[in-house]
């Protein structure tokens, strides 16, 4: 948690938006891929 706070303090606005969008993108990707992985295994 502290590491994320340090990272967020180093970022400016555009980097922060990019960080949030990439985070949500990877989150949605893992959520959409997990049922497929469960079906295969």
PDB file of N, CA and C in Angstrom:
ATOM      1  N   UNK A   1       0.834  -1.201   0.000  1.00  0.00           N
ATOM      2  CA  UNK A   1       0.000   0.000   0.000  1.00  0.00           C
ATOM      3  C   UNK A   1       0.872   1.256   0.000  1.00  0.00           C
ATOM      4  N   UNK A   2       1.903   1.251   0.809  1.00  0.00           N
ATOM      5  CA  UNK A   2       2.808   2.410   0.866  1.00  0.00           C
ATOM      6  C   UNK A   2       3.525   2.610  -0.462  1.00  0.00           C
ATOM      7  N   UNK A   3       3.857   1.496  -1.107  1.00  0.00           N
ATOM      8  CA  UNK A   3       4.545   1.580  -2.396  1.00  0.00           C
ATOM      9  C   UNK A   3       3.653   2.263  -3.432  1.00  0.00           C
ATOM     10  N   UNK A   4       2.367   1.909  -3.438  1.00  0.00           N
ATOM     11  CA  UNK A   4       1.440   2.528  -4.388  1.00  0.00           C
ATOM     12  C   UNK A   4       1.288   4.020  -4.111  1.00  0.00           C
ATOM     13  N   UNK A   5       1.271   4.388  -2.846  1.00  0.00           N
ATOM     14  CA  UNK A   5       1.147   5.802  -2.505  1.00  0.00           C
ATOM     15  C   UNK A   5       2.372   6.577  -2.982  1.00  0.00           C
ATOM     16  N   UNK A   6       3.557   5.989  -2.835  1.00  0.00           N
ATOM     17  CA  UNK A   6       4.775   6.645  -3.302  1.00  0.00           C
ATOM     18  C   UNK A   6       4.740   6.805  -4.820  1.00  0.00           C
ATOM     19  N   UNK A   7       4.275   5.774  -5.508  1.00  0.00           N
ATOM     20  CA  UNK A   7       4.193   5.827  -6.969  1.00  0.00           C
ATOM     21  C   UNK A   7       3.220   6.913  -7.409  1.00  0.00           C
ATOM     22  N   UNK A   8       2.074   6.969  -6.727  1.00  0.00           N
ATOM     23  CA  UNK A   8       1.055   7.947  -7.102  1.00  0.00           C
ATOM     24  C   UNK A   8       1.537   9.373  -6.847  1.00  0.00           C
ATOM     25  N   UNK A   9       2.365   9.560  -5.825  1.00  0.00           N
ATOM     26  CA  UNK A   9       2.888  10.895  -5.542  1.00  0.00           C
ATOM     27  C   UNK A   9       3.872  11.340  -6.613  1.00  0.00           C
ATOM     28  N   UNK A  10       4.584  10.376  -7.219  1.00  0.00           N
ATOM     29  CA  UNK A  10       5.560  10.712  -8.256  1.00  0.00           C
ATOM     30  C   UNK A  10       4.901  11.054  -9.588  1.00  0.00           C
ATOM     31  N   UNK A  11       3.665  10.583  -9.774  1.00  0.00           N
ATOM     32  CA  UNK A  11       3.000  10.785 -11.058  1.00  0.00           C
ATOM     33  C   UNK A  11       2.323  12.141 -11.133  1.00  0.00           C
ATOM     34  N   UNK A  12       2.281  12.691 -12.342  1.00  0.00           N
ATOM     35  CA  UNK A  12       1.454  13.876 -12.555  1.00  0.00           C
ATOM     36  C   UNK A  12       0.073  13.436 -13.036  1.00  0.00           C
ATOM     37  N   UNK A  13      -0.771  14.396 -13.414  1.00  0.00           N
ATOM     38  CA  UNK A  13      -2.174  14.085 -13.718  1.00  0.00           C
ATOM     39  C   UNK A  13      -2.313  13.080 -14.861  1.00  0.00           C
ATOM     40  N   UNK A  14      -1.623  13.307 -15.967  1.00  0.00           N
ATOM     41  CA  UNK A  14      -1.778  12.440 -17.131  1.00  0.00           C
ATOM     42  C   UNK A  14      -1.266  11.032 -16.837  1.00  0.00           C
ATOM     43  N   UNK A  15      -0.148  10.938 -16.134  1.00  0.00           N
ATOM     44  CA  UNK A  15       0.388   9.638 -15.763  1.00  0.00           C
ATOM     45  C   UNK A  15      -0.562   8.915 -14.816  1.00  0.00           C
ATOM     46  N   UNK A  16      -1.206   9.675 -13.933  1.00  0.00           N
ATOM     47  CA  UNK A  16      -2.158   9.102 -12.986  1.00  0.00           C
ATOM     48  C   UNK A  16      -3.358   8.516 -13.718  1.00  0.00           C
ATOM     49  N   UNK A  17      -3.866   9.244 -14.713  1.00  0.00           N
ATOM     50  CA  UNK A  17      -4.997   8.763 -15.517  1.00  0.00           C
ATOM     51  C   UNK A  17      -4.589   7.524 -16.314  1.00  0.00           C
ATOM     52  N   UNK A  18      -3.390   7.545 -16.870  1.00  0.00           N
ATOM     53  CA  UNK A  18      -2.889   6.400 -17.619  1.00  0.00           C
ATOM     54  C   UNK A  18      -2.721   5.188 -16.708  1.00  0.00           C
ATOM     55  N   UNK A  19      -2.218   5.438 -15.489  1.00  0.00           N
ATOM     56  CA  UNK A  19      -2.026   4.365 -14.512  1.00  0.00           C
ATOM     57  C   UNK A  19      -3.362   3.743 -14.136  1.00  0.00           C
ATOM     58  N   UNK A  20      -4.375   4.587 -13.901  1.00  0.00           N
ATOM     59  CA  UNK A  20      -5.700   4.098 -13.534  1.00  0.00           C
ATOM     60  C   UNK A  20      -6.338   3.314 -14.674  1.00  0.00           C
ATOM     61  N   UNK A  21      -6.205   3.815 -15.893  1.00  0.00           N
ATOM     62  CA  UNK A  21      -6.823   3.144 -17.035  1.00  0.00           C
ATOM     63  C   UNK A  21      -6.168   1.791 -17.307  1.00  0.00           C
ATOM     64  N   UNK A  22      -4.844   1.726 -17.195  1.00  0.00           N
ATOM     65  CA  UNK A  22      -4.149   0.455 -17.410  1.00  0.00           C
ATOM     66  C   UNK A  22      -4.475  -0.539 -16.297  1.00  0.00           C
ATOM     67  N   UNK A  23      -4.652  -0.025 -15.080  1.00  0.00           N
ATOM     68  CA  UNK A  23      -5.004  -0.879 -13.953  1.00  0.00           C
ATOM     69  C   UNK A  23      -6.387  -1.479 -14.151  1.00  0.00           C
ATOM     70  N   UNK A  24      -7.344  -0.647 -14.521  1.00  0.00           N
ATOM     71  CA  UNK A  24      -8.714  -1.123 -14.743  1.00  0.00           C
ATOM     72  C   UNK A  24      -8.775  -2.049 -15.951  1.00  0.00           C
ATOM     73  N   UNK A  25      -7.938  -1.780 -16.952  1.00  0.00           N
ATOM     74  CA  UNK A  25      -7.910  -2.627 -18.135  1.00  0.00           C
ATOM     75  C   UNK A  25      -7.412  -4.025 -17.791  1.00  0.00           C
ATOM     76  N   UNK A  26      -6.320  -4.110 -17.041  1.00  0.00           N
ATOM     77  CA  UNK A  26      -5.780  -5.410 -16.648  1.00  0.00           C
ATOM     78  C   UNK A  26      -6.741  -6.138 -15.710  1.00  0.00           C
ATOM     79  N   UNK A  27      -7.442  -5.365 -14.879  1.00  0.00           N
ATOM     80  CA  UNK A  27      -8.424  -5.941 -13.974  1.00  0.00           C
ATOM     81  C   UNK A  27      -9.576  -6.560 -14.764  1.00  0.00           C
ATOM     82  N   UNK A  28     -10.101  -5.828 -15.726  1.00  0.00           N
ATOM     83  CA  UNK A  28     -11.215  -6.338 -16.534  1.00  0.00           C
ATOM     84  C   UNK A  28     -10.768  -7.509 -17.406  1.00  0.00           C
ATOM     85  N   UNK A  29      -9.513  -7.474 -17.869  1.00  0.00           N
ATOM     86  CA  UNK A  29      -8.986  -8.578 -18.660  1.00  0.00           C
ATOM     87  C   UNK A  29      -8.903  -9.851 -17.833  1.00  0.00           C
ATOM     88  N   UNK A  30      -8.389  -9.749 -16.625  1.00  0.00           N
ATOM     89  CA  UNK A  30      -8.269 -10.921 -15.760  1.00  0.00           C
ATOM     90  C   UNK A  30      -9.647 -11.445 -15.356  1.00  0.00           C
ATOM     91  N   UNK A  31     -10.601 -10.518 -15.168  1.00  0.00           N
ATOM     92  CA  UNK A  31     -11.961 -10.923 -14.815  1.00  0.00           C
ATOM     93  C   UNK A  31     -12.632 -11.644 -15.980  1.00  0.00           C
ATOM     94  N   UNK A  32     -12.393 -11.193 -17.190  1.00  0.00           N
ATOM     95  CA  UNK A  32     -13.025 -11.815 -18.353  1.00  0.00           C
ATOM     96  C   UNK A  32     -12.332 -13.128 -18.715  1.00  0.00           C
ATOM     97  N   UNK A  33     -11.028 -13.244 -18.385  1.00  0.00           N
ATOM     98  CA  UNK A  33     -10.284 -14.449 -18.728  1.00  0.00           C
ATOM     99  C   UNK A  33     -10.425 -15.550 -17.682  1.00  0.00           C
ATOM    100  N   UNK A  34     -10.754 -15.187 -16.453  1.00  0.00           N
ATOM    101  CA  UNK A  34     -10.819 -16.195 -15.393  1.00  0.00           C
ATOM    102  C   UNK A  34     -11.910 -17.250 -15.611  1.00  0.00           C
ATOM    103  N   UNK A  35     -13.118 -16.898 -16.089  1.00  0.00           N
ATOM    104  CA  UNK A  35     -14.107 -17.954 -16.359  1.00  0.00           C
ATOM    105  C   UNK A  35     -13.635 -18.900 -17.467  1.00  0.00           C
ATOM    106  N   UNK A  36     -12.946 -18.361 -18.460  1.00  0.00           N
ATOM    107  CA  UNK A  36     -12.431 -19.188 -19.551  1.00  0.00           C
ATOM    108  C   UNK A  36     -11.381 -20.166 -19.014  1.00  0.00           C
ATOM    109  N   UNK A  37     -10.508 -19.666 -18.145  1.00  0.00           N
ATOM    110  CA  UNK A  37      -9.477 -20.515 -17.554  1.00  0.00           C
ATOM    111  C   UNK A  37     -10.113 -21.588 -16.673  1.00  0.00           C
ATOM    112  N   UNK A  38     -11.168 -21.221 -15.964  1.00  0.00           N
ATOM    113  CA  UNK A  38     -11.873 -22.187 -15.121  1.00  0.00           C
ATOM    114  C   UNK A  38     -12.541 -23.263 -15.971  1.00  0.00           C
ATOM    115  N   UNK A  39     -13.039 -22.867 -17.123  1.00  0.00           N
ATOM    116  CA  UNK A  39     -13.680 -23.840 -18.013  1.00  0.00           C
ATOM    117  C   UNK A  39     -12.664 -24.823 -18.568  1.00  0.00           C
ATOM    118  N   UNK A  40     -11.455 -24.344 -18.859  1.00  0.00           N
ATOM    119  CA  UNK A  40     -10.432 -25.219 -19.416  1.00  0.00           C
ATOM    120  C   UNK A  40      -9.889 -26.174 -18.367  1.00  0.00           C
ATOM    121  N   UNK A  41      -9.843 -25.727 -17.112  1.00  0.00           N
ATOM    122  CA  UNK A  41      -9.338 -26.587 -16.049  1.00  0.00           C
ATOM    123  C   UNK A  41     -10.491 -27.091 -15.197  1.00  0.00           C
TER     124      UNK A  41
END
